[in-house]
C-alpha cells in the first residue's frame, strides 16, 4: 500500500494512493504522530 496523507487539514486524511476512490482513514494529529513513530521503528499497526 502506498499512502497519501493530507497534512494541511485537521483531522489528517490518509488514503491508498493506488485506490483514490477507496476508503479514507481520518486521524488526529496525535494518532498520526504515534503511527509514524511506530512505523519508523518497524511496528506498523502496533
PDB file of N, CA and C in Angstrom:
ATOM      1  N   UNK A   1       0.841  -1.180   0.000  1.00  0.00           N
ATOM      2  CA  UNK A   1       0.000   0.000   0.000  1.00  0.00           C
ATOM      3  C   UNK A   1       0.876   1.229   0.000  1.00  0.00           C
ATOM      4  N   UNK A   2       0.482   2.196  -0.747  1.00  0.00           N
ATOM      5  CA  UNK A   2       1.149   3.495  -0.772  1.00  0.00           C
ATOM      6  C   UNK A   2       0.143   4.501  -0.237  1.00  0.00           C
ATOM      7  N   UNK A   3       0.471   5.129   0.881  1.00  0.00           N
ATOM      8  CA  UNK A   3      -0.491   6.060   1.477  1.00  0.00           C
ATOM      9  C   UNK A   3      -0.168   7.483   1.081  1.00  0.00           C
ATOM     10  N   UNK A   4      -1.189   8.308   1.098  1.00  0.00           N
ATOM     11  CA  UNK A   4      -1.027   9.720   0.781  1.00  0.00           C
ATOM     12  C   UNK A   4      -1.764  10.522   1.849  1.00  0.00           C
ATOM     13  N   UNK A   5      -1.016  11.137   2.797  1.00  0.00           N
ATOM     14  CA  UNK A   5      -1.681  11.933   3.823  1.00  0.00           C
ATOM     15  C   UNK A   5      -1.978  13.342   3.330  1.00  0.00           C
ATOM     16  N   UNK A   6      -3.077  13.892   3.777  1.00  0.00           N
ATOM     17  CA  UNK A   6      -3.422  15.291   3.535  1.00  0.00           C
ATOM     18  C   UNK A   6      -3.043  16.043   4.799  1.00  0.00           C
ATOM     19  N   UNK A   7      -1.841  16.594   4.828  1.00  0.00           N
ATOM     20  CA  UNK A   7      -1.298  17.158   6.060  1.00  0.00           C
ATOM     21  C   UNK A   7      -1.811  18.549   6.400  1.00  0.00           C
ATOM     22  N   UNK A   8      -2.400  19.239   5.454  1.00  0.00           N
ATOM     23  CA  UNK A   8      -2.839  20.596   5.735  1.00  0.00           C
ATOM     24  C   UNK A   8      -4.203  20.669   6.394  1.00  0.00           C
ATOM     25  N   UNK A   9      -4.773  19.543   6.694  1.00  0.00           N
ATOM     26  CA  UNK A   9      -6.127  19.549   7.244  1.00  0.00           C
ATOM     27  C   UNK A   9      -6.167  18.882   8.604  1.00  0.00           C
ATOM     28  N   UNK A  10      -7.207  19.161   9.339  1.00  0.00           N
ATOM     29  CA  UNK A  10      -7.451  18.506  10.621  1.00  0.00           C
ATOM     30  C   UNK A  10      -8.828  17.932  10.570  1.00  0.00           C
ATOM     31  N   UNK A  11      -9.072  16.676  10.792  1.00  0.00           N
ATOM     32  CA  UNK A  11      -8.086  15.637  11.055  1.00  0.00           C
ATOM     33  C   UNK A  11      -7.251  15.341   9.809  1.00  0.00           C
ATOM     34  N   UNK A  12      -6.211  14.541   9.971  1.00  0.00           N
ATOM     35  CA  UNK A  12      -5.344  14.165   8.865  1.00  0.00           C
ATOM     36  C   UNK A  12      -6.009  13.021   8.117  1.00  0.00           C
ATOM     37  N   UNK A  13      -6.185  13.198   6.824  1.00  0.00           N
ATOM     38  CA  UNK A  13      -6.848  12.210   5.984  1.00  0.00           C
ATOM     39  C   UNK A  13      -5.788  11.375   5.276  1.00  0.00           C
ATOM     40  N   UNK A  14      -5.903  10.053   5.364  1.00  0.00           N
ATOM     41  CA  UNK A  14      -4.948   9.143   4.727  1.00  0.00           C
ATOM     42  C   UNK A  14      -5.720   8.182   3.842  1.00  0.00           C
ATOM     43  N   UNK A  15      -5.215   8.003   2.628  1.00  0.00           N
ATOM     44  CA  UNK A  15      -5.850   7.052   1.714  1.00  0.00           C
ATOM     45  C   UNK A  15      -4.769   6.327   0.933  1.00  0.00           C
ATOM     46  N   UNK A  16      -5.158   5.242   0.307  1.00  0.00           N
ATOM     47  CA  UNK A  16      -4.269   4.479  -0.553  1.00  0.00           C
ATOM     48  C   UNK A  16      -4.196   5.202  -1.894  1.00  0.00           C
ATOM     49  N   UNK A  17      -3.007   5.681  -2.256  1.00  0.00           N
ATOM     50  CA  UNK A  17      -2.878   6.447  -3.493  1.00  0.00           C
ATOM     51  C   UNK A  17      -3.134   5.590  -4.733  1.00  0.00           C
ATOM     52  N   UNK A  18      -3.081   4.263  -4.584  1.00  0.00           N
ATOM     53  CA  UNK A  18      -3.373   3.379  -5.707  1.00  0.00           C
ATOM     54  C   UNK A  18      -4.875   3.171  -5.884  1.00  0.00           C
ATOM     55  N   UNK A  19      -5.656   3.598  -4.894  1.00  0.00           N
ATOM     56  CA  UNK A  19      -7.114   3.461  -4.939  1.00  0.00           C
ATOM     57  C   UNK A  19      -7.736   4.768  -4.442  1.00  0.00           C
ATOM     58  N   UNK A  20      -7.624   5.837  -5.232  1.00  0.00           N
ATOM     59  CA  UNK A  20      -8.072   7.151  -4.759  1.00  0.00           C
ATOM     60  C   UNK A  20      -9.554   7.262  -4.437  1.00  0.00           C
ATOM     61  N   UNK A  21     -10.369   6.388  -4.988  1.00  0.00           N
ATOM     62  CA  UNK A  21     -11.802   6.445  -4.674  1.00  0.00           C
ATOM     63  C   UNK A  21     -12.165   5.500  -3.537  1.00  0.00           C
ATOM     64  N   UNK A  22     -11.164   4.847  -2.959  1.00  0.00           N
ATOM     65  CA  UNK A  22     -11.406   3.905  -1.868  1.00  0.00           C
ATOM     66  C   UNK A  22     -11.600   4.599  -0.534  1.00  0.00           C
ATOM     67  N   UNK A  23     -11.639   3.822   0.527  1.00  0.00           N
ATOM     68  CA  UNK A  23     -11.882   4.383   1.854  1.00  0.00           C
ATOM     69  C   UNK A  23     -10.753   5.297   2.314  1.00  0.00           C
ATOM     70  N   UNK A  24     -11.083   6.163   3.235  1.00  0.00           N
ATOM     71  CA  UNK A  24     -10.151   7.145   3.777  1.00  0.00           C
ATOM     72  C   UNK A  24     -10.096   6.989   5.292  1.00  0.00           C
ATOM     73  N   UNK A  25      -8.895   7.060   5.831  1.00  0.00           N
ATOM     74  CA  UNK A  25      -8.696   6.983   7.267  1.00  0.00           C
ATOM     75  C   UNK A  25      -8.500   8.399   7.782  1.00  0.00           C
ATOM     76  N   UNK A  26      -9.226   8.792   8.807  1.00  0.00           N
ATOM     77  CA  UNK A  26      -9.117  10.134   9.384  1.00  0.00           C
ATOM     78  C   UNK A  26      -8.483  10.028  10.766  1.00  0.00           C
ATOM     79  N   UNK A  27      -7.321  10.660  10.919  1.00  0.00           N
ATOM     80  CA  UNK A  27      -6.559  10.567  12.167  1.00  0.00           C
ATOM     81  C   UNK A  27      -6.382  11.939  12.804  1.00  0.00           C
ATOM     82  N   UNK A  28      -6.356  11.953  14.126  1.00  0.00           N
ATOM     83  CA  UNK A  28      -5.990  13.176  14.838  1.00  0.00           C
ATOM     84  C   UNK A  28      -4.480  13.351  14.704  1.00  0.00           C
ATOM     85  N   UNK A  29      -3.987  14.543  14.969  1.00  0.00           N
ATOM     86  CA  UNK A  29      -2.547  14.790  14.910  1.00  0.00           C
ATOM     87  C   UNK A  29      -1.775  13.867  15.858  1.00  0.00           C
ATOM     88  N   UNK A  30      -2.225  13.668  17.111  1.00  0.00           N
ATOM     89  CA  UNK A  30      -1.504  12.735  17.992  1.00  0.00           C
ATOM     90  C   UNK A  30      -1.506  11.292  17.464  1.00  0.00           C
ATOM     91  N   UNK A  31      -2.611  10.849  16.871  1.00  0.00           N
ATOM     92  CA  UNK A  31      -2.669   9.494  16.321  1.00  0.00           C
ATOM     93  C   UNK A  31      -1.725   9.357  15.133  1.00  0.00           C
ATOM     94  N   UNK A  32      -1.647  10.374  14.274  1.00  0.00           N
ATOM     95  CA  UNK A  32      -0.732  10.365  13.137  1.00  0.00           C
ATOM     96  C   UNK A  32       0.717  10.308  13.619  1.00  0.00           C
ATOM     97  N   UNK A  33       1.038  11.091  14.630  1.00  0.00           N
ATOM     98  CA  UNK A  33       2.391  11.098  15.190  1.00  0.00           C
ATOM     99  C   UNK A  33       2.749   9.737  15.764  1.00  0.00           C
ATOM    100  N   UNK A  34       1.814   9.119  16.473  1.00  0.00           N
ATOM    101  CA  UNK A  34       2.049   7.792  17.040  1.00  0.00           C
ATOM    102  C   UNK A  34       2.227   6.755  15.936  1.00  0.00           C
ATOM    103  N   UNK A  35       1.429   6.843  14.888  1.00  0.00           N
ATOM    104  CA  UNK A  35       1.553   5.929  13.758  1.00  0.00           C
ATOM    105  C   UNK A  35       2.936   6.053  13.120  1.00  0.00           C
ATOM    106  N   UNK A  36       3.383   7.277  12.866  1.00  0.00           N
ATOM    107  CA  UNK A  36       4.706   7.488  12.262  1.00  0.00           C
ATOM    108  C   UNK A  36       5.812   6.965  13.162  1.00  0.00           C
ATOM    109  N   UNK A  37       5.682   7.164  14.460  1.00  0.00           N
ATOM    110  CA  UNK A  37       6.692   6.663  15.403  1.00  0.00           C
ATOM    111  C   UNK A  37       6.757   5.142  15.352  1.00  0.00           C
ATOM    112  N   UNK A  38       5.607   4.474  15.311  1.00  0.00           N
ATOM    113  CA  UNK A  38       5.583   3.007  15.241  1.00  0.00           C
ATOM    114  C   UNK A  38       6.190   2.504  13.930  1.00  0.00           C
ATOM    115  N   UNK A  39       5.818   3.128  12.826  1.00  0.00           N
ATOM    116  CA  UNK A  39       6.346   2.703  11.531  1.00  0.00           C
ATOM    117  C   UNK A  39       7.857   2.910  11.463  1.00  0.00           C
ATOM    118  N   UNK A  40       8.350   3.992  12.046  1.00  0.00           N
ATOM    119  CA  UNK A  40       9.783   4.290  11.961  1.00  0.00           C
ATOM    120  C   UNK A  40      10.634   3.264  12.707  1.00  0.00           C
ATOM    121  N   UNK A  41      10.035   2.542  13.655  1.00  0.00           N
ATOM    122  CA  UNK A  41      10.777   1.504  14.373  1.00  0.00           C
ATOM    123  C   UNK A  41      10.328   0.100  13.960  1.00  0.00           C
ATOM    124  N   UNK A  42       9.576   0.028  12.858  1.00  0.00           N
ATOM    125  CA  UNK A  42       9.189  -1.269  12.312  1.00  0.00           C
ATOM    126  C   UNK A  42       8.000  -1.925  12.948  1.00  0.00           C
ATOM    127  N   UNK A  43       7.088  -1.129  13.529  1.00  0.00           N
ATOM    128  CA  UNK A  43       5.891  -1.699  14.171  1.00  0.00           C
ATOM    129  C   UNK A  43       4.619  -1.171  13.541  1.00  0.00           C
ATOM    130  N   UNK A  44       4.430  -1.290  12.240  1.00  0.00           N
ATOM    131  CA  UNK A  44       3.180  -0.789  11.675  1.00  0.00           C
ATOM    132  C   UNK A  44       1.976  -1.542  12.226  1.00  0.00           C
ATOM    133  N   UNK A  45       0.977  -0.822  12.587  1.00  0.00           N
ATOM    134  CA  UNK A  45      -0.227  -1.434  13.120  1.00  0.00           C
ATOM    135  C   UNK A  45      -0.137  -1.851  14.575  1.00  0.00           C
ATOM    136  N   UNK A  46       0.915  -1.414  15.264  1.00  0.00           N
ATOM    137  CA  UNK A  46       1.092  -1.804  16.667  1.00  0.00           C
ATOM    138  C   UNK A  46       0.071  -1.150  17.556  1.00  0.00           C
TER     139      UNK A  46
END
